[in-house]
Protein backbone atom coordinates (compact mmCIF):
# COMPACT_ATOMS: atom_id res chain seq x y z
CA MET A 1 109.83 106.76 166.58
CA SER A 2 111.47 104.38 164.19
CA ARG A 3 110.63 102.79 160.88
CA GLY A 4 111.99 99.79 159.03
CA ILE A 5 114.10 98.25 161.79
CA ASP A 6 114.04 94.49 162.30
CA PHE A 7 113.69 93.94 166.04
CA ARG A 8 113.13 90.18 165.96
CA GLN A 9 115.61 88.10 167.94
CA LYS A 10 117.48 91.11 169.30
CA GLU A 11 118.57 90.70 172.91
CA VAL A 12 117.18 93.31 175.31
CA ILE A 13 119.31 94.57 178.21
CA ASN A 14 118.16 96.80 181.08
CA LEU A 15 120.58 99.69 181.65
CA THR A 16 119.30 100.16 185.22
CA ASP A 17 120.71 96.87 186.54
CA GLY A 18 122.56 95.35 183.55
CA LYS A 19 120.27 92.32 183.41
CA ILE A 20 119.36 90.56 180.20
CA LEU A 21 115.58 90.77 179.88
CA GLY A 22 115.24 88.38 176.95
CA PHE A 23 114.61 88.62 173.23
CA VAL A 24 112.16 90.69 171.19
CA VAL A 25 109.28 88.52 169.99
CA ASP A 26 106.96 91.23 168.62
CA VAL A 27 106.29 94.96 168.33
CA GLN A 28 103.14 97.00 168.84
CA ALA A 29 102.62 99.69 166.26
CA ASP A 30 100.23 102.47 165.34
CA PHE A 31 99.43 101.57 161.74
CA GLU A 32 97.73 104.88 161.00
CA ASN A 33 100.98 106.82 161.29
CA GLY A 34 103.49 103.95 161.03
CA GLU A 35 105.05 104.47 164.46
CA ILE A 36 106.21 101.77 166.86
CA ARG A 37 104.58 102.07 170.29
CA SER A 38 106.38 99.28 172.20
CA ILE A 39 108.34 96.06 171.95
CA ILE A 40 107.34 92.73 173.46
CA VAL A 41 110.17 90.81 175.10
CA ALA A 42 110.19 87.12 176.06
CA LYS A 43 111.35 87.30 179.69
CA THR A 44 112.46 83.69 179.67
CA GLY A 45 115.10 84.46 177.05
CA LYS A 46 113.64 82.00 174.57
CA ILE A 47 113.88 83.35 171.05
CA PHE A 48 110.96 81.27 169.80
CA ASN A 49 108.64 82.05 172.71
CA SER A 50 104.97 82.68 171.95
CA VAL A 51 103.88 86.28 171.49
CA ASN A 52 101.00 85.66 173.93
CA SER A 53 103.12 84.08 176.68
CA LYS A 54 102.57 85.15 180.29
CA ASN A 55 106.35 85.45 180.59
CA ASN A 56 106.50 88.39 178.17
CA VAL A 57 107.00 92.02 179.14
CA THR A 58 105.88 95.04 177.09
CA ILE A 59 108.41 97.87 176.98
CA PRO A 60 107.16 101.30 175.81
CA TRP A 61 109.09 103.00 173.01
CA GLU A 62 110.05 105.86 175.35
CA ARG A 63 112.04 103.38 177.49
CA ILE A 64 114.27 102.28 174.60
CA LYS A 65 117.57 104.13 174.88
CA LYS A 66 119.71 102.58 172.13
CA ILE A 67 119.19 100.10 169.30
CA GLY A 68 122.29 98.27 168.14
CA GLU A 69 122.93 95.55 165.58
CA ASP A 70 122.52 92.75 168.13
CA VAL A 71 121.02 94.32 171.25
CA ILE A 72 118.49 96.87 172.41
CA LEU A 73 119.26 98.85 175.56
CA VAL A 74 116.27 99.89 177.67
CA GLU A 75 115.77 101.64 180.98
CA ILE A 76 112.98 100.16 183.09
């Protein structure tokens, strides 16, 4: 788990096929223990997409393989 990382507006790339999935628009966290459970990615690639959009995909924390300065690499 991670703490204190700013995920907003980071591009998310799938390692399985190399495709750009979009940008992080929100995170889901367990506030009791301060752990991040998943990230929510705007599939359309729009940075300012609504958190509740039907075009979003939720990626569990276990699927995140690497967090860089500009991108997050996932395996889905």
